[in-house]
Protein backbone atom coordinates (compact mmCIF):
# COMPACT_ATOMS: atom_id res chain seq x y z
CA UNK A 1 130.43 100.49 118.27
CA UNK A 2 129.93 104.20 117.60
CA UNK A 3 131.43 106.53 115.03
CA UNK A 4 134.59 108.36 116.12
CA UNK A 5 134.21 106.86 119.58
CA UNK A 6 131.38 109.25 120.38
CA UNK A 7 128.40 107.64 122.12
CA UNK A 8 124.95 108.43 120.77
CA UNK A 9 121.71 108.55 122.74
CA UNK A 10 119.69 105.34 122.51
CA UNK A 11 116.53 105.93 120.46
CA UNK A 12 113.35 105.03 122.34
CA UNK A 13 110.48 106.41 120.25
CA UNK A 14 109.43 105.75 116.66
CA UNK A 15 110.68 109.19 115.61
CA UNK A 16 114.02 108.68 117.37
CA UNK A 17 114.51 105.23 115.85
CA UNK A 18 113.70 106.63 112.40
CA UNK A 19 116.17 109.48 112.94
CA UNK A 20 118.81 106.90 113.95
CA UNK A 21 117.96 104.90 110.81
CA UNK A 22 118.33 107.95 108.55
CA UNK A 23 121.67 108.88 110.05
CA UNK A 24 123.13 105.40 109.66
CA UNK A 25 121.67 105.16 106.14
CA UNK A 26 123.25 108.47 105.12
CA UNK A 27 126.65 107.29 106.35
CA UNK A 28 126.42 104.01 104.46
CA UNK A 29 125.36 105.79 101.26
CA UNK A 30 128.40 108.06 101.56
CA UNK A 31 130.67 105.03 101.84
CA UNK A 32 129.18 103.44 98.73
CA UNK A 33 128.94 106.58 96.59
CA UNK A 34 130.87 109.78 97.30
CA UNK A 35 133.50 108.03 99.48
CA UNK A 36 133.61 104.87 97.39
CA UNK A 37 137.32 105.05 96.56
CA UNK A 38 138.26 105.34 100.21
CA UNK A 39 135.83 102.56 101.11
CA UNK A 40 137.21 100.31 98.38
CA UNK A 41 140.79 100.77 99.59
CA UNK A 42 139.87 100.01 103.20
CA UNK A 43 138.23 96.70 102.24
CA UNK A 44 141.54 94.92 101.68
CA UNK A 45 140.94 91.18 101.11
CA UNK A 46 144.25 90.47 102.85
CA UNK A 47 142.83 91.74 106.13
CA UNK A 48 140.64 89.83 108.54
CA UNK A 49 136.83 89.77 108.40
CA UNK A 50 135.65 93.35 107.99
CA UNK A 51 132.25 94.99 108.40
CA UNK A 52 130.80 98.27 107.13
CA UNK A 53 129.19 100.30 109.93
CA UNK A 54 126.95 103.32 109.55
CA UNK A 55 126.44 105.67 112.48
CA UNK A 56 123.62 108.02 113.54
CA UNK A 57 125.85 111.05 112.91
CA UNK A 58 125.96 110.18 109.17
CA UNK A 59 129.50 108.78 109.25
CA UNK A 60 130.74 105.33 108.31
CA UNK A 61 133.57 103.02 109.25
CA UNK A 62 135.12 99.77 108.03
CA UNK A 63 136.24 97.76 111.00
CA UNK A 64 136.48 94.34 112.60
CA UNK A 65 133.28 93.03 114.22
CA UNK A 66 132.75 93.70 117.90
CA UNK A 67 134.25 91.13 120.25
CA UNK A 68 131.42 90.95 122.76
CA UNK A 69 128.96 88.08 122.35
CA UNK A 70 126.11 88.65 121.96
CA UNK A 71 126.73 92.13 120.54
CA UNK A 72 124.90 95.20 121.87
CA UNK A 73 123.33 95.77 118.43
CA UNK A 74 122.84 93.49 115.41
CA UNK A 75 126.06 93.25 113.43
CA UNK A 76 126.52 94.07 109.70
CA UNK A 77 127.51 91.42 107.16
CA UNK A 78 130.87 89.90 108.04
CA UNK A 79 133.79 89.61 105.62
CA UNK A 80 132.68 92.03 102.91
CA UNK A 81 136.34 92.56 101.99
CA UNK A 82 136.86 88.93 100.92
CA UNK A 83 134.49 89.27 97.95
CA UNK A 84 135.93 92.56 96.71
CA UNK A 85 138.38 91.20 94.14
CA UNK A 86 136.29 88.21 93.13
CA UNK A 87 133.62 90.19 91.26
CA UNK A 88 133.11 93.40 89.34
CA UNK A 89 133.21 96.52 91.51
CA UNK A 90 129.62 97.57 90.76
CA UNK A 91 128.36 94.08 91.62
CA UNK A 92 130.36 94.03 94.83
CA UNK A 93 129.03 97.45 95.84
CA UNK A 94 125.50 96.31 95.07
CA UNK A 95 126.02 93.25 97.26
CA UNK A 96 127.29 95.37 100.15
CA UNK A 97 124.34 97.72 99.64
CA UNK A 98 121.83 94.87 99.95
CA UNK A 99 123.44 93.64 103.16
CA UNK A 100 123.53 97.22 104.47
CA UNK A 101 119.79 97.58 103.84
CA UNK A 102 119.04 94.41 105.78
CA UNK A 103 121.32 95.53 108.62
CA UNK A 104 119.57 98.89 108.92
CA UNK A 105 116.21 97.17 109.22
CA UNK A 106 117.62 94.78 111.81
CA UNK A 107 118.93 97.65 113.94
CA UNK A 108 115.72 99.68 113.67
CA UNK A 109 113.47 96.81 114.67
CA UNK A 110 115.90 95.72 117.37
CA UNK A 111 115.24 99.07 119.02
CA UNK A 112 111.53 98.56 118.40
CA UNK A 113 111.59 95.18 120.13
CA UNK A 114 113.80 96.41 122.96
CA UNK A 115 111.50 99.27 123.83
CA UNK A 116 108.26 97.41 123.32
CA UNK A 117 106.87 98.97 120.15
CA UNK A 118 103.32 97.81 119.54
CA UNK A 119 101.77 96.76 116.25
CA UNK A 120 100.82 100.31 115.23
CA UNK A 121 104.24 101.69 116.17
CA UNK A 122 106.06 98.99 114.19
CA UNK A 123 103.79 99.61 111.21
CA UNK A 124 104.38 103.37 111.39
CA UNK A 125 108.14 102.86 111.65
CA UNK A 126 108.19 100.58 108.62
CA UNK A 127 106.09 103.01 106.60
CA UNK A 128 108.48 105.84 107.40
CA UNK A 129 111.44 103.67 106.41
CA UNK A 130 109.70 102.40 103.30
CA UNK A 131 109.17 105.94 102.01
CA UNK A 132 112.94 106.26 101.58
CA UNK A 133 114.81 104.64 98.68
CA UNK A 134 116.90 101.68 99.76
CA UNK A 135 120.67 101.91 99.73
CA UNK A 136 120.66 99.34 96.92
CA UNK A 137 118.39 101.59 94.85
CA UNK A 138 120.65 104.58 95.42
CA UNK A 139 123.85 102.69 94.63
CA UNK A 140 122.49 101.04 91.49
CA UNK A 141 120.74 104.18 90.27
CA UNK A 142 117.26 102.68 90.41
CA UNK A 143 115.75 105.39 92.62
CA UNK A 144 114.02 107.15 89.72
CA UNK A 145 112.38 103.92 88.72
CA UNK A 146 110.40 103.65 91.93
CA UNK A 147 107.64 105.95 90.66
CA UNK A 148 107.67 104.28 87.27
CA UNK A 149 107.40 100.89 88.91
CA UNK A 150 104.42 102.00 90.96
CA UNK A 151 102.79 103.31 87.80
CA UNK A 152 103.50 100.02 86.06
CA UNK A 153 101.99 98.16 88.97
CA UNK A 154 98.83 100.21 88.60
CA UNK A 155 98.73 99.37 84.91
CA UNK A 156 99.26 95.70 85.69
CA UNK A 157 96.51 95.75 88.31
CA UNK A 158 94.14 97.22 85.76
CA UNK A 159 95.17 94.67 83.16
CA UNK A 160 94.70 91.86 85.67
CA UNK A 161 91.09 92.89 86.17
CA UNK A 162 90.68 92.70 82.42
CA UNK A 163 92.18 89.25 82.47
CA UNK A 164 89.25 88.02 84.53
CA UNK A 165 86.81 89.08 81.80
CA UNK A 166 86.29 86.29 79.21
CA UNK A 167 86.06 88.85 76.36
CA UNK A 168 89.42 90.48 77.14
CA UNK A 169 92.64 89.85 75.28
CA UNK A 170 95.51 88.00 76.90
CA UNK A 171 95.49 85.24 79.52
CA UNK A 172 92.35 85.01 81.64
CA UNK A 173 92.98 83.61 85.10
CA UNK A 174 89.69 83.56 87.02
CA UNK A 175 86.23 82.41 85.92
CA UNK A 176 83.40 85.01 85.90
CA UNK A 177 81.52 85.65 89.12
CA UNK A 178 77.79 86.06 89.48
CA UNK A 179 78.19 89.82 89.76
CA UNK A 180 80.03 89.88 86.45
CA UNK A 181 77.27 87.83 84.87
CA UNK A 182 74.70 90.38 86.00
CA UNK A 183 76.79 93.28 84.74
CA UNK A 184 76.42 92.03 81.17
CA UNK A 185 80.16 92.38 80.47
CA UNK A 186 80.38 88.72 79.44
CA UNK A 187 78.26 86.61 77.14
CA UNK A 188 76.10 83.92 78.70
CA UNK A 189 77.75 81.16 76.71
CA UNK A 190 81.17 82.10 78.06
CA UNK A 191 79.83 82.13 81.62
CA UNK A 192 78.36 78.67 81.29
CA UNK A 193 81.61 77.31 79.93
CA UNK A 194 83.56 78.97 82.72
CA UNK A 195 81.49 77.30 85.43
CA UNK A 196 83.27 73.95 85.19
CA UNK A 197 86.82 72.81 84.48
CA UNK A 198 87.35 71.68 80.88
CA UNK A 199 89.72 68.97 82.10
CA UNK A 200 88.16 67.41 85.22
CA UNK A 201 84.60 68.77 85.05
CA UNK A 202 84.58 70.07 88.63
CA UNK A 203 82.84 73.34 89.45
CA UNK A 204 84.63 76.62 90.11
CA UNK A 205 85.78 77.36 93.68
CA UNK A 206 86.99 80.77 94.88
CA UNK A 207 90.09 79.38 96.55
CA UNK A 208 91.41 77.69 93.40
CA UNK A 209 93.49 79.10 90.56
CA UNK A 210 91.86 78.87 87.12
CA UNK A 211 93.00 79.83 83.63
CA UNK A 212 91.06 80.29 80.39
CA UNK A 213 92.11 79.03 76.96
CA UNK A 214 92.25 81.93 74.51
CA UNK A 215 91.37 79.60 71.62
CA UNK A 216 88.35 77.60 72.80
CA UNK A 217 87.58 79.91 75.78
CA UNK A 218 87.11 76.98 78.16
CA UNK A 219 88.22 77.32 81.78
CA UNK A 220 90.64 74.95 83.49
CA UNK A 221 92.03 74.36 86.96
CA UNK A 222 95.65 75.51 86.93
CA UNK A 223 96.64 72.21 88.54
CA UNK A 224 94.83 70.23 85.80
CA UNK A 225 96.85 71.86 83.02
CA UNK A 226 100.02 72.29 85.11
CA UNK A 227 99.97 76.11 85.06
CA UNK A 228 100.82 78.10 88.21
CA UNK A 229 99.74 81.73 88.84
CA UNK A 230 103.39 82.82 88.51
CA UNK A 231 103.77 81.02 85.19
CA UNK A 232 100.48 82.44 83.92
CA UNK A 233 101.74 86.01 84.45
CA UNK A 234 104.28 85.46 81.65
CA UNK A 235 101.87 83.86 79.15
CA UNK A 236 100.52 86.30 76.57
CA UNK A 237 98.13 83.82 74.97
CA UNK A 238 97.25 80.54 76.67
CA UNK A 239 96.28 77.47 74.65
CA UNK A 240 94.91 74.44 76.49
CA UNK A 241 96.44 71.00 75.79
CA UNK A 242 93.59 70.13 73.42
CA UNK A 243 93.99 73.27 71.30
CA UNK A 244 97.77 72.95 71.35
CA UNK A 245 97.58 69.41 69.99
CA UNK A 246 95.19 70.52 67.24
CA UNK A 247 97.64 73.22 66.15
CA UNK A 248 100.48 70.71 66.15
CA UNK A 249 98.60 68.32 63.85
CA UNK A 250 97.85 71.12 61.36
């Protein structure tokens, strides 16, 4: 299906596929932002299953899905109109935006697979696509946060390195390595305590997740104290079971 019935040349190179992606993306963004009233009206829940299409010429269209099976191109999310009146408009638009993002990626990499893009070509195509804000980010107004998020990630990465140092504040999640011992950033007593698990007594292994108690500064296997890496990210100060029980008695 093509916008206004006008056929478009089939993209065959990374640059052509990216240009096709940008055109379709621009059309979808118009539908969900500047043309949102028109788009909203066209998505009548009383109608049959409807899809939102974006085209390379930066236009958009709400229409029934194509009848041919399998379709020439991947199809957008089906039945977007049915959810329109069942949720708040901004939430519905955000939902359509997410599905539109996934559809754009599907179309782009369909062309990549069809014309035999290699590993480097697929990687380059994704990097070009990834440099653009997603439709969801544009619709929800989160575009400006992308730089802030990257800055926050840098801060978190720096703080995570501090977490591995026994003298740092906050949750420590990996015992000291030999290189750290030689650097003199940790005290020898801490290093000796960090060499074995305070619960099971086993030695440290690189492929295992460990966490340090901020009270007694002993190291533990995450599995021994039932703490996962994801859970540890949200703990500001970790207390091992022994220290927790001592606090409870006091």
